């Protein structure tokens, strides 16, 4: 469990700056299985998780939804048979915020708690 996964999200404001490229590179090793992607000029974190069937994938997505709701920070979640793709970014800042890395680590912790 990383230090990030023990952190709490802070409220995001539209005026909050997105993380710099240097800050992103410093945080990426803490969520090593996540990919840094660019969608329409917006930096995002994305990871795909594999499951044995649709029900297991949906269960994971529902647990993640509850954590996201508790933290007040919500991802894009795509559930398919045997896999869940999770994408984190901060809509209000149109980029990555420290909260996205916190939530990526919490997402990983949810999976490791099941193993």
N, C-alpha and C. Protein backbone atom coordinates (compact mmCIF):
# COMPACT_ATOMS: atom_id res chain seq x y z
N UNK A 1 0.85 -1.18 0.00
CA UNK A 1 0.00 0.00 0.00
C UNK A 1 0.89 1.24 0.00
N UNK A 2 0.65 2.14 -0.94
CA UNK A 2 1.46 3.35 -1.03
C UNK A 2 0.94 4.42 -0.09
N UNK A 3 1.78 5.41 0.15
CA UNK A 3 1.36 6.56 0.95
C UNK A 3 0.16 7.23 0.31
N UNK A 4 0.13 7.28 -1.00
CA UNK A 4 -0.99 7.90 -1.70
C UNK A 4 -2.32 7.25 -1.33
N UNK A 5 -2.34 5.93 -1.23
CA UNK A 5 -3.60 5.24 -0.98
C UNK A 5 -4.14 5.52 0.42
N UNK A 6 -3.30 6.05 1.30
CA UNK A 6 -3.74 6.40 2.65
C UNK A 6 -4.18 7.85 2.76
N UNK A 7 -3.97 8.62 1.69
CA UNK A 7 -4.31 10.04 1.68
C UNK A 7 -5.79 10.25 1.38
N UNK A 8 -6.27 11.43 1.72
CA UNK A 8 -7.64 11.82 1.39
C UNK A 8 -7.59 12.87 0.29
N UNK A 9 -8.60 12.87 -0.55
CA UNK A 9 -8.70 13.87 -1.61
C UNK A 9 -9.06 15.22 -1.01
N UNK A 10 -8.51 16.24 -1.60
CA UNK A 10 -8.86 17.60 -1.20
C UNK A 10 -9.90 18.13 -2.19
N UNK A 11 -10.74 19.05 -1.76
CA UNK A 11 -11.73 19.60 -2.70
C UNK A 11 -11.04 20.24 -3.90
N UNK A 12 -11.56 19.98 -5.08
CA UNK A 12 -10.99 20.56 -6.30
C UNK A 12 -11.78 21.82 -6.68
N UNK A 13 -11.05 22.79 -7.14
CA UNK A 13 -11.66 24.01 -7.62
C UNK A 13 -11.17 24.24 -9.05
N UNK A 14 -12.00 24.86 -9.86
CA UNK A 14 -11.61 25.13 -11.25
C UNK A 14 -10.34 25.97 -11.31
N UNK A 15 -10.10 26.77 -10.29
CA UNK A 15 -8.91 27.62 -10.28
C UNK A 15 -7.64 26.87 -9.87
N UNK A 16 -7.79 25.63 -9.39
CA UNK A 16 -6.62 24.84 -8.99
C UNK A 16 -5.82 24.49 -10.24
N UNK A 17 -4.51 24.63 -10.17
CA UNK A 17 -3.70 24.29 -11.35
C UNK A 17 -3.57 22.77 -11.52
N UNK A 18 -3.48 22.36 -12.77
CA UNK A 18 -3.16 20.96 -13.05
C UNK A 18 -1.71 20.73 -12.67
N UNK A 19 -1.36 19.48 -12.45
CA UNK A 19 0.03 19.15 -12.13
C UNK A 19 0.92 19.45 -13.34
N UNK A 20 2.13 19.86 -13.05
CA UNK A 20 3.11 20.08 -14.12
C UNK A 20 3.63 18.74 -14.62
N UNK A 21 4.30 18.76 -15.75
CA UNK A 21 4.89 17.53 -16.30
C UNK A 21 5.89 16.94 -15.31
N UNK A 22 6.64 17.78 -14.62
CA UNK A 22 7.62 17.30 -13.63
C UNK A 22 6.91 16.64 -12.46
N UNK A 23 5.84 17.27 -11.97
CA UNK A 23 5.09 16.69 -10.84
C UNK A 23 4.47 15.35 -11.22
N UNK A 24 3.95 15.27 -12.44
CA UNK A 24 3.37 14.01 -12.92
C UNK A 24 4.43 12.92 -12.95
N UNK A 25 5.61 13.23 -13.48
CA UNK A 25 6.68 12.24 -13.56
C UNK A 25 7.16 11.79 -12.18
N UNK A 26 7.08 12.68 -11.20
CA UNK A 26 7.47 12.32 -9.83
C UNK A 26 6.45 11.39 -9.19
N UNK A 27 5.16 11.54 -9.53
CA UNK A 27 4.11 10.73 -8.93
C UNK A 27 3.87 9.40 -9.65
N UNK A 28 4.15 9.34 -10.94
CA UNK A 28 3.87 8.12 -11.71
C UNK A 28 4.46 6.84 -11.12
N UNK A 29 5.68 6.84 -10.59
CA UNK A 29 6.22 5.60 -10.02
C UNK A 29 5.38 5.05 -8.86
N UNK A 30 4.60 5.90 -8.21
CA UNK A 30 3.77 5.44 -7.10
C UNK A 30 2.51 4.72 -7.58
N UNK A 31 2.21 4.86 -8.86
CA UNK A 31 1.07 4.14 -9.48
C UNK A 31 1.59 3.49 -10.76
N UNK A 32 2.61 2.67 -10.60
CA UNK A 32 3.41 2.15 -11.71
C UNK A 32 2.61 1.39 -12.77
N UNK A 33 1.49 0.80 -12.42
CA UNK A 33 0.73 0.03 -13.40
C UNK A 33 -0.24 0.88 -14.21
N UNK A 34 -0.27 2.15 -13.95
CA UNK A 34 -1.15 3.08 -14.65
C UNK A 34 -0.42 3.69 -15.83
N UNK A 35 -1.18 3.97 -16.89
CA UNK A 35 -0.63 4.62 -18.08
C UNK A 35 -1.04 6.09 -18.08
N UNK A 36 -0.12 6.92 -18.50
CA UNK A 36 -0.42 8.33 -18.72
C UNK A 36 -0.90 8.45 -20.16
N UNK A 37 -2.13 8.91 -20.35
CA UNK A 37 -2.68 9.05 -21.69
C UNK A 37 -3.07 10.50 -21.91
N UNK A 38 -3.27 10.86 -23.16
CA UNK A 38 -3.71 12.19 -23.53
C UNK A 38 -4.98 12.04 -24.37
N UNK A 39 -6.06 12.64 -23.92
CA UNK A 39 -7.33 12.59 -24.65
C UNK A 39 -7.74 14.03 -24.94
N UNK A 40 -7.69 14.40 -26.20
CA UNK A 40 -8.05 15.76 -26.62
C UNK A 40 -7.27 16.82 -25.84
N UNK A 41 -5.97 16.55 -25.62
CA UNK A 41 -5.12 17.51 -24.93
C UNK A 41 -5.21 17.47 -23.42
N UNK A 42 -5.97 16.52 -22.87
CA UNK A 42 -6.14 16.41 -21.42
C UNK A 42 -5.39 15.17 -20.93
N UNK A 43 -4.43 15.38 -20.04
CA UNK A 43 -3.66 14.27 -19.46
C UNK A 43 -4.56 13.50 -18.51
N UNK A 44 -4.50 12.15 -18.60
CA UNK A 44 -5.32 11.28 -17.77
C UNK A 44 -4.51 10.05 -17.37
N UNK A 45 -4.94 9.43 -16.27
CA UNK A 45 -4.36 8.15 -15.84
C UNK A 45 -5.35 7.06 -16.19
N UNK A 46 -4.85 5.96 -16.74
CA UNK A 46 -5.75 4.87 -17.12
C UNK A 46 -5.11 3.52 -16.81
N UNK A 47 -5.97 2.61 -16.36
CA UNK A 47 -5.53 1.24 -16.11
C UNK A 47 -6.68 0.29 -16.39
N UNK A 48 -6.33 -0.88 -16.92
CA UNK A 48 -7.32 -1.93 -17.18
C UNK A 48 -7.05 -3.08 -16.21
N UNK A 49 -8.12 -3.55 -15.57
CA UNK A 49 -8.06 -4.67 -14.64
C UNK A 49 -8.76 -5.87 -15.25
N UNK A 50 -8.20 -7.05 -15.07
CA UNK A 50 -8.79 -8.28 -15.60
C UNK A 50 -9.53 -9.03 -14.49
N UNK A 51 -10.67 -9.63 -14.85
CA UNK A 51 -11.48 -10.42 -13.92
C UNK A 51 -11.93 -11.69 -14.61
N UNK A 52 -12.39 -12.65 -13.81
CA UNK A 52 -12.77 -13.94 -14.38
C UNK A 52 -14.11 -13.92 -15.10
N UNK A 53 -14.95 -12.91 -14.84
CA UNK A 53 -16.25 -12.84 -15.50
C UNK A 53 -16.85 -11.45 -15.33
N UNK A 54 -18.03 -11.26 -15.87
CA UNK A 54 -18.69 -9.96 -15.82
C UNK A 54 -19.11 -9.60 -14.40
N UNK A 55 -19.62 -10.55 -13.64
CA UNK A 55 -20.09 -10.28 -12.28
C UNK A 55 -18.94 -9.79 -11.40
N UNK A 56 -17.78 -10.41 -11.51
CA UNK A 56 -16.62 -9.97 -10.74
C UNK A 56 -16.18 -8.56 -11.15
N UNK A 57 -16.20 -8.31 -12.44
CA UNK A 57 -15.84 -6.97 -12.93
C UNK A 57 -16.83 -5.93 -12.41
N UNK A 58 -18.10 -6.25 -12.44
CA UNK A 58 -19.12 -5.31 -11.98
C UNK A 58 -19.01 -5.08 -10.47
N UNK A 59 -18.70 -6.11 -9.72
CA UNK A 59 -18.53 -5.98 -8.28
C UNK A 59 -17.39 -5.00 -7.96
N UNK A 60 -16.28 -5.16 -8.67
CA UNK A 60 -15.14 -4.26 -8.49
C UNK A 60 -15.55 -2.82 -8.82
N UNK A 61 -16.26 -2.64 -9.93
CA UNK A 61 -16.69 -1.30 -10.34
C UNK A 61 -17.61 -0.69 -9.29
N UNK A 62 -18.50 -1.48 -8.73
CA UNK A 62 -19.41 -0.96 -7.70
C UNK A 62 -18.66 -0.57 -6.43
N UNK A 63 -17.66 -1.35 -6.05
CA UNK A 63 -16.86 -1.00 -4.88
C UNK A 63 -16.06 0.28 -5.13
N UNK A 64 -15.53 0.40 -6.34
CA UNK A 64 -14.80 1.61 -6.70
C UNK A 64 -15.74 2.82 -6.71
N UNK A 65 -16.95 2.62 -7.18
CA UNK A 65 -17.93 3.72 -7.20
C UNK A 65 -18.18 4.23 -5.78
N UNK A 66 -18.24 3.34 -4.81
CA UNK A 66 -18.48 3.76 -3.43
C UNK A 66 -17.29 4.54 -2.87
N UNK A 67 -16.08 4.08 -3.16
CA UNK A 67 -14.89 4.80 -2.72
C UNK A 67 -14.86 6.18 -3.36
N UNK A 68 -15.16 6.25 -4.65
CA UNK A 68 -15.17 7.53 -5.36
C UNK A 68 -16.20 8.48 -4.74
N UNK A 69 -17.36 7.96 -4.42
CA UNK A 69 -18.40 8.78 -3.81
C UNK A 69 -17.96 9.26 -2.43
N UNK A 70 -17.36 8.38 -1.65
CA UNK A 70 -16.87 8.76 -0.32
C UNK A 70 -15.82 9.87 -0.40
N UNK A 71 -14.97 9.83 -1.43
CA UNK A 71 -13.91 10.82 -1.60
C UNK A 71 -14.36 12.06 -2.37
N UNK A 72 -15.51 11.98 -3.02
CA UNK A 72 -15.98 13.12 -3.81
C UNK A 72 -15.16 13.34 -5.07
N UNK A 73 -14.60 12.27 -5.60
CA UNK A 73 -13.78 12.36 -6.82
C UNK A 73 -14.11 11.14 -7.66
N UNK A 74 -14.57 11.35 -8.88
CA UNK A 74 -15.20 10.27 -9.65
C UNK A 74 -14.47 9.99 -10.96
N UNK A 75 -14.24 8.71 -11.27
CA UNK A 75 -13.54 8.32 -12.50
C UNK A 75 -14.51 8.02 -13.63
N UNK A 76 -13.93 7.74 -14.75
CA UNK A 76 -14.65 7.09 -15.84
C UNK A 76 -14.41 5.60 -15.64
N UNK A 77 -15.48 4.83 -15.64
CA UNK A 77 -15.37 3.38 -15.44
C UNK A 77 -16.07 2.68 -16.60
N UNK A 78 -15.33 1.85 -17.32
CA UNK A 78 -15.89 1.05 -18.40
C UNK A 78 -15.85 -0.41 -17.97
N UNK A 79 -17.04 -1.02 -17.85
CA UNK A 79 -17.13 -2.42 -17.44
C UNK A 79 -17.47 -3.26 -18.66
N UNK A 80 -16.67 -4.29 -18.89
CA UNK A 80 -16.91 -5.23 -19.97
C UNK A 80 -16.77 -6.63 -19.40
N UNK A 81 -17.09 -7.64 -20.20
CA UNK A 81 -16.93 -9.01 -19.72
C UNK A 81 -15.46 -9.22 -19.39
N UNK A 82 -15.16 -9.52 -18.14
CA UNK A 82 -13.81 -9.87 -17.72
C UNK A 82 -12.83 -8.72 -17.59
N UNK A 83 -13.29 -7.49 -17.72
CA UNK A 83 -12.35 -6.39 -17.54
C UNK A 83 -13.05 -5.09 -17.17
N UNK A 84 -12.30 -4.26 -16.47
CA UNK A 84 -12.76 -2.92 -16.10
C UNK A 84 -11.63 -1.95 -16.45
N UNK A 85 -11.96 -0.92 -17.19
CA UNK A 85 -11.01 0.14 -17.50
C UNK A 85 -11.39 1.35 -16.67
N UNK A 86 -10.42 1.86 -15.90
CA UNK A 86 -10.64 3.00 -15.03
C UNK A 86 -9.76 4.15 -15.52
N UNK A 87 -10.35 5.33 -15.63
CA UNK A 87 -9.62 6.51 -16.06
C UNK A 87 -9.87 7.63 -15.06
N UNK A 88 -8.78 8.20 -14.58
CA UNK A 88 -8.85 9.31 -13.62
C UNK A 88 -8.29 10.57 -14.24
N UNK A 89 -8.98 11.68 -14.06
CA UNK A 89 -8.49 13.02 -14.35
C UNK A 89 -9.44 13.98 -13.66
N UNK A 90 -9.05 15.21 -13.55
CA UNK A 90 -9.87 16.20 -12.85
C UNK A 90 -10.57 17.07 -13.88
N UNK A 91 -11.87 16.89 -13.95
CA UNK A 91 -12.68 17.59 -14.94
C UNK A 91 -12.58 19.11 -14.77
N UNK A 92 -12.62 19.59 -13.53
CA UNK A 92 -12.65 21.04 -13.30
C UNK A 92 -11.37 21.73 -13.73
N UNK A 93 -10.24 21.03 -13.70
CA UNK A 93 -8.97 21.64 -14.10
C UNK A 93 -8.54 21.19 -15.50
N UNK A 94 -9.29 20.25 -16.07
CA UNK A 94 -8.97 19.70 -17.40
C UNK A 94 -7.54 19.18 -17.45
N UNK A 95 -7.21 18.37 -16.45
CA UNK A 95 -5.88 17.78 -16.38
C UNK A 95 -5.75 16.91 -15.15
N UNK A 96 -4.53 16.61 -14.80
CA UNK A 96 -4.28 15.77 -13.63
C UNK A 96 -4.03 16.61 -12.39
N UNK A 97 -4.59 16.16 -11.30
CA UNK A 97 -4.47 16.79 -9.99
C UNK A 97 -3.91 15.71 -9.05
N UNK A 98 -3.38 16.10 -7.94
CA UNK A 98 -2.86 15.14 -6.96
C UNK A 98 -3.94 14.12 -6.60
N UNK A 99 -5.21 14.55 -6.54
CA UNK A 99 -6.32 13.65 -6.22
C UNK A 99 -6.39 12.46 -7.17
N UNK A 100 -6.05 12.67 -8.42
CA UNK A 100 -6.12 11.56 -9.39
C UNK A 100 -5.12 10.46 -9.04
N UNK A 101 -3.96 10.85 -8.58
CA UNK A 101 -2.96 9.86 -8.17
C UNK A 101 -3.39 9.17 -6.87
N UNK A 102 -3.98 9.93 -5.95
CA UNK A 102 -4.51 9.34 -4.73
C UNK A 102 -5.54 8.27 -5.08
N UNK A 103 -6.45 8.62 -5.97
CA UNK A 103 -7.54 7.70 -6.31
C UNK A 103 -7.05 6.51 -7.13
N UNK A 104 -6.03 6.71 -7.96
CA UNK A 104 -5.45 5.57 -8.68
C UNK A 104 -4.86 4.58 -7.66
N UNK A 105 -4.17 5.09 -6.66
CA UNK A 105 -3.59 4.22 -5.63
C UNK A 105 -4.69 3.53 -4.82
N UNK A 106 -5.76 4.24 -4.52
CA UNK A 106 -6.89 3.64 -3.79
C UNK A 106 -7.55 2.56 -4.64
N UNK A 107 -7.62 2.77 -5.94
CA UNK A 107 -8.19 1.77 -6.84
C UNK A 107 -7.35 0.50 -6.80
N UNK A 108 -6.04 0.65 -6.87
CA UNK A 108 -5.14 -0.50 -6.77
C UNK A 108 -5.29 -1.21 -5.42
N UNK A 109 -5.44 -0.45 -4.35
CA UNK A 109 -5.60 -1.02 -3.01
C UNK A 109 -6.89 -1.84 -2.93
N UNK A 110 -7.92 -1.40 -3.61
CA UNK A 110 -9.18 -2.15 -3.62
C UNK A 110 -8.96 -3.53 -4.23
N UNK A 111 -8.21 -3.59 -5.30
CA UNK A 111 -7.92 -4.87 -5.94
C UNK A 111 -7.05 -5.74 -5.05
N UNK A 112 -6.01 -5.16 -4.45
CA UNK A 112 -5.11 -5.96 -3.63
C UNK A 112 -5.80 -6.45 -2.36
N UNK A 113 -6.84 -5.74 -1.91
CA UNK A 113 -7.58 -6.19 -0.73
C UNK A 113 -8.39 -7.45 -1.04
N UNK A 114 -8.67 -7.68 -2.33
CA UNK A 114 -9.44 -8.83 -2.75
C UNK A 114 -8.59 -10.06 -2.99
N UNK A 115 -7.29 -9.86 -3.17
CA UNK A 115 -6.39 -10.97 -3.50
C UNK A 115 -6.03 -11.77 -2.27
